[in-house]
Protein backbone atom coordinates (compact mmCIF):
# COMPACT_ATOMS: atom_id res chain seq x y z
CA MET A 1 19.35 18.64 -19.22
CA THR A 2 16.98 16.04 -20.16
CA ALA A 3 18.16 12.62 -21.68
CA ILE A 4 16.47 11.45 -25.08
CA THR A 5 17.29 7.84 -25.74
CA LEU A 6 16.51 6.40 -29.32
CA LEU A 7 15.99 3.01 -30.10
CA THR A 8 15.15 2.02 -33.57
CA ASP A 9 15.44 -0.02 -36.79
CA PHE A 10 16.76 2.51 -38.98
CA GLY A 11 20.45 1.44 -38.96
CA THR A 12 23.31 3.46 -39.25
CA ALA A 13 24.14 3.70 -43.10
CA ASP A 14 21.58 6.09 -43.49
CA TYR A 15 20.59 9.39 -42.62
CA PHE A 16 17.30 8.55 -40.40
CA ALA A 17 18.75 8.19 -37.00
CA GLY A 18 20.75 11.49 -37.66
CA ALA A 19 17.82 13.40 -39.00
CA MET A 20 16.04 12.63 -35.59
CA LYS A 21 19.01 14.09 -33.64
CA GLY A 22 19.03 16.98 -35.77
CA VAL A 23 15.03 18.06 -35.12
CA ILE A 24 15.69 17.18 -31.53
CA LEU A 25 18.59 20.02 -31.21
CA SER A 26 16.88 22.39 -33.03
CA ILE A 27 13.87 22.20 -30.82
CA ASN A 28 16.58 22.03 -27.30
CA PRO A 29 19.68 22.38 -27.89
CA GLN A 30 20.53 21.40 -24.47
CA ALA A 31 18.79 17.91 -24.77
CA VAL A 32 21.43 14.88 -23.98
CA ILE A 33 20.67 12.32 -26.76
CA ALA A 34 21.86 8.42 -26.00
CA ASP A 35 21.34 6.00 -28.86
CA VAL A 36 20.24 2.51 -27.29
CA THR A 37 20.52 0.97 -30.58
CA HIS A 38 19.37 1.45 -34.41
CA GLU A 39 20.02 -2.12 -35.19
CA ILE A 40 16.79 -3.76 -34.55
CA PRO A 41 15.74 -6.21 -36.91
CA ALA A 42 13.66 -4.20 -39.91
CA GLN A 43 10.01 -3.98 -38.67
CA ASP A 44 10.53 -6.76 -35.70
CA VAL A 45 8.24 -5.08 -33.09
CA ALA A 46 8.77 -7.70 -30.31
CA ALA A 47 12.56 -7.16 -30.59
CA GLY A 48 12.13 -3.72 -30.05
CA ALA A 49 9.99 -4.38 -27.15
CA PHE A 50 12.13 -6.73 -25.50
CA THR A 51 15.19 -4.38 -26.09
CA LEU A 52 13.19 -1.25 -24.52
CA LEU A 53 12.12 -3.26 -21.39
CA VAL A 54 16.00 -4.51 -21.04
CA ALA A 55 17.23 -0.70 -21.58
CA TYR A 56 14.80 1.70 -20.24
CA GLY A 57 15.70 0.98 -16.50
CA THR A 58 19.51 1.71 -16.89
CA PHE A 59 18.29 5.56 -17.29
CA PRO A 60 17.71 8.14 -14.97
CA GLU A 61 13.98 8.94 -13.93
CA GLY A 62 12.47 11.90 -16.54
CA THR A 63 14.18 10.16 -19.31
CA ILE A 64 12.30 10.32 -22.60
CA HIS A 65 12.61 6.97 -24.68
CA VAL A 66 11.94 7.53 -28.41
CA VAL A 67 11.28 3.95 -30.02
CA VAL A 68 10.55 3.35 -33.32
CA VAL A 69 10.04 0.03 -35.33
CA ASP A 70 6.98 1.30 -37.30
CA PRO A 71 5.68 -1.21 -40.04
CA GLY A 72 2.41 0.59 -40.02
CA VAL A 73 3.93 4.17 -40.55
CA GLY A 74 1.87 6.55 -42.68
CA SER A 75 -1.19 4.48 -41.26
CA ALA A 76 -4.01 5.09 -39.04
CA ARG A 77 -2.06 3.75 -36.46
CA ARG A 78 -1.83 6.38 -33.63
CA PRO A 79 1.33 8.08 -32.12
CA ILE A 80 1.28 7.69 -28.49
CA VAL A 81 3.54 9.26 -25.60
CA VAL A 82 3.02 6.97 -22.33
CA SER A 83 4.34 7.59 -19.10
CA ALA A 84 5.70 4.85 -16.38
CA GLY A 85 7.78 4.67 -13.77
CA GLY A 86 9.16 8.09 -13.89
CA HIS A 87 9.94 7.86 -17.44
CA LEU A 88 8.06 8.93 -20.86
CA PHE A 89 8.17 6.80 -23.71
CA VAL A 90 7.46 7.97 -27.17
CA GLY A 91 6.38 6.21 -30.23
CA PRO A 92 3.73 4.23 -32.70
CA ASP A 93 0.63 2.72 -30.88
CA ASN A 94 2.05 -1.05 -31.99
CA GLY A 95 2.93 -2.97 -29.02
CA LEU A 96 6.24 -1.29 -28.46
CA PHE A 97 5.63 -0.68 -25.14
CA THR A 98 3.68 -3.90 -23.87
CA HIS A 99 6.32 -4.65 -21.44
CA VAL A 100 6.76 -1.37 -19.94
CA TYR A 101 2.23 -1.82 -19.46
CA ASP A 102 3.53 -4.68 -17.75
CA SER A 103 5.81 -4.09 -15.49
CA GLN A 104 4.42 -0.40 -14.74
CA PRO A 105 0.62 -1.40 -14.45
CA SER A 106 -0.06 2.44 -13.21
CA PHE A 107 1.26 3.71 -16.76
CA GLN A 108 -1.21 6.26 -18.79
CA ALA A 109 -0.95 6.53 -22.35
CA PHE A 110 -2.03 9.63 -24.45
CA HIS A 111 -2.96 9.70 -28.42
CA ILE A 112 -0.68 12.45 -29.74
CA THR A 113 -2.85 15.04 -31.67
CA ALA A 114 -1.16 18.30 -30.84
CA SER A 115 0.22 18.25 -34.13
CA GLN A 116 1.61 22.14 -33.88
CA TYR A 117 4.81 19.91 -32.57
CA PHE A 118 5.19 18.20 -35.70
CA ARG A 119 8.11 18.78 -38.18
CA GLN A 120 6.05 20.44 -41.19
CA PRO A 121 5.26 18.84 -43.81
CA VAL A 122 4.90 15.53 -41.88
CA SER A 123 6.16 12.70 -44.24
CA THR A 124 3.99 9.81 -44.32
CA THR A 125 7.10 7.38 -44.60
CA PHE A 126 9.38 8.92 -41.53
CA HIS A 127 7.15 9.76 -38.31
CA GLY A 128 10.42 9.38 -36.28
CA ARG A 129 11.79 12.74 -37.71
CA ASP A 130 8.55 14.75 -38.38
CA VAL A 131 6.57 13.00 -34.90
CA PHE A 132 8.41 11.04 -32.89
CA ALA A 133 11.48 13.09 -32.63
CA PRO A 134 9.81 16.83 -31.98
CA VAL A 135 7.49 15.67 -29.67
CA ALA A 136 10.49 14.20 -27.36
CA ALA A 137 11.91 17.41 -27.80
CA VAL A 138 8.93 19.65 -26.72
CA LEU A 139 8.50 17.03 -23.70
CA SER A 140 12.14 17.67 -22.50
CA THR A 141 11.24 21.37 -22.70
CA GLY A 142 8.71 21.07 -19.76
CA VAL A 143 5.72 20.19 -22.10
CA GLU A 144 3.09 17.76 -20.50
CA ALA A 145 2.49 14.58 -21.65
CA SER A 146 -1.30 14.87 -20.94
CA SER A 147 -1.19 18.05 -22.99
CA LEU A 148 -0.37 16.29 -26.34
CA GLY A 149 -3.50 14.23 -26.86
CA PRO A 150 -6.65 12.32 -25.33
CA ARG A 151 -5.69 9.82 -22.98
CA ILE A 152 -6.62 6.28 -24.09
CA SER A 153 -6.78 3.04 -22.35
CA ASP A 154 -6.65 0.32 -25.13
CA PRO A 155 -3.09 0.70 -26.42
CA VAL A 156 -2.21 -2.36 -28.85
CA ARG A 157 -0.22 -5.02 -26.82
CA LEU A 158 1.63 -8.08 -27.97
CA SER A 159 0.76 -11.33 -27.25
CA ILE A 160 3.15 -12.42 -24.26
CA PRO A 161 3.59 -15.93 -24.34
CA VAL A 162 2.97 -18.09 -20.69
CA THR A 163 4.78 -20.93 -21.32
CA PRO A 164 8.56 -20.84 -21.68
CA THR A 165 9.73 -19.84 -24.43
CA ILE A 166 12.23 -18.39 -26.21
CA ILE A 167 11.55 -14.55 -26.26
CA HIS A 168 15.01 -13.28 -27.57
CA ILE A 169 18.24 -14.14 -29.48
CA ASP A 170 20.84 -11.84 -29.42
CA ARG A 171 23.70 -11.20 -31.52
CA PHE A 172 26.28 -14.09 -30.09
CA GLY A 173 23.49 -16.82 -30.42
CA ASN A 174 22.64 -16.96 -27.05
CA LEU A 175 18.85 -17.65 -26.24
CA ILE A 176 17.07 -15.48 -23.93
CA THR A 177 14.01 -17.47 -22.36
CA ASN A 178 10.98 -15.85 -20.52
CA ILE A 179 11.84 -17.89 -17.69
CA THR A 180 12.65 -16.44 -14.34
CA ARG A 181 14.48 -17.98 -11.13
CA ASP A 182 11.13 -18.28 -9.32
CA VAL A 183 9.91 -20.63 -11.88
CA LEU A 184 12.83 -23.09 -12.79
CA PRO A 185 12.88 -25.74 -9.85
CA ALA A 186 16.55 -26.70 -8.12
CA ARG A 187 18.38 -29.43 -10.18
CA ALA A 188 15.63 -28.95 -13.42
CA SER A 189 16.55 -29.26 -16.31
CA LEU A 190 16.15 -28.30 -20.36
CA LEU A 191 14.37 -29.77 -23.23
CA VAL A 192 15.00 -27.93 -26.46
CA ASN A 193 14.37 -29.25 -29.97
CA GLY A 194 14.75 -32.58 -28.39
CA LYS A 195 18.17 -31.81 -26.62
CA LEU A 196 18.29 -32.02 -23.17
CA ILE A 197 20.56 -29.30 -21.05
CA THR A 198 21.37 -30.19 -18.16
CA ALA A 199 24.46 -28.37 -17.54
CA PHE A 200 24.12 -24.82 -15.50
CA ARG A 201 27.11 -22.21 -15.52
CA SER A 202 27.37 -19.17 -13.71
CA PHE A 203 29.73 -17.48 -16.27
CA PHE A 204 30.03 -18.24 -19.91
CA GLY A 205 33.77 -19.89 -20.07
CA GLU A 206 33.33 -21.79 -17.00
CA GLY A 207 34.02 -25.55 -17.30
CA GLY A 208 34.69 -25.24 -21.31
CA GLY A 209 33.17 -27.26 -23.72
CA ASP A 210 30.65 -26.69 -26.40
CA GLU A 211 27.74 -28.12 -25.40
CA PRO A 212 24.66 -25.78 -24.71
CA PHE A 213 24.09 -24.73 -21.11
CA GLY A 214 21.94 -22.27 -18.71
CA ILE A 215 23.10 -19.30 -17.55
CA TRP A 216 21.32 -16.29 -15.77
CA GLY A 217 21.33 -13.57 -18.11
CA SER A 218 21.76 -9.56 -17.28
CA ALA A 219 18.05 -9.17 -18.00
CA GLY A 220 17.01 -11.89 -14.96
CA PHE A 221 16.09 -13.71 -17.70
CA LEU A 222 17.55 -17.82 -17.95
CA GLU A 223 19.38 -17.81 -21.05
CA ILE A 224 20.94 -21.05 -23.59
CA ALA A 225 24.48 -20.33 -24.73
CA VAL A 226 27.17 -22.23 -25.85
CA ASN A 227 30.85 -21.19 -25.13
CA GLY A 228 32.17 -19.47 -28.11
CA GLY A 229 29.47 -20.45 -30.36
CA SER A 230 25.98 -20.12 -30.84
CA ALA A 231 23.18 -21.84 -29.22
CA ALA A 232 20.47 -21.06 -31.81
CA GLU A 233 22.80 -22.70 -34.58
CA TYR A 234 23.53 -25.75 -32.25
CA LEU A 235 20.17 -26.03 -31.50
CA ASP A 236 18.54 -25.12 -34.78
CA VAL A 237 15.75 -22.91 -32.93
CA LYS A 238 14.21 -19.45 -33.59
CA ARG A 239 12.67 -17.07 -31.24
CA GLY A 240 9.14 -18.18 -30.28
CA ASP A 241 10.16 -21.82 -30.05
CA GLN A 242 9.13 -23.86 -26.69
CA VAL A 243 11.54 -24.58 -23.92
CA ASP A 244 10.33 -27.65 -21.56
CA ILE A 245 11.72 -27.43 -18.01
CA GLN A 246 11.95 -31.44 -17.15
CA PRO A 247 11.44 -31.58 -13.25
CA PRO A 248 14.29 -32.79 -11.45
CA LYS A 249 14.56 -36.57 -10.94
CA ASP A 250 14.59 -38.17 -7.93
CA THR A 251 17.63 -39.08 -6.01
């Protein structure tokens, strides 16, 4: 049995996610389907890319990941399948797989042109059901990714910040930065929207109080949090805002 994950901005109030599952099971009734989330903010490709980055590695090799955050649905943007790190990724060529490309530089990407596998007629507004779900299903039956279309060398990539930046804000208001342990000096502090943050904690409830602090999150990045509150609201920041690393003062 092959695992197929779904990661979309469809929400759960409508039929979209359920219809994708129906298509997959109609082609491969033995498929195991796992929802990563359907609550990516609408049309937020960067949030989808980040969520995929921190989630896909928790699944076993051989998993097929269907990722649909697709503002360009129905346009000339390419449907693609990506083979990387023992996983397959199916979705639109709009930057969703940027972090996969960066973390798995030996990836292979293919433009899906084998329309015989599509659900007909193909809707111009629902490629998740009519293109990506059936392609994932046939992949789960043993069809090779390379047979779905020509290999491409120019997949779309998002612009990734190289300076310390807030790259994601979770539902609790925690600020996930792109800062990793190897770039943060010991005893450094952080400056965020004019607020100096000097406290670092090993767990959220350590020390109490309602001042923002740094904490190493489960994704391996430095997060800024407020115990019992929202750091995003406290600091009045948004994704893309800069984080200044202040070097330790001489003692």
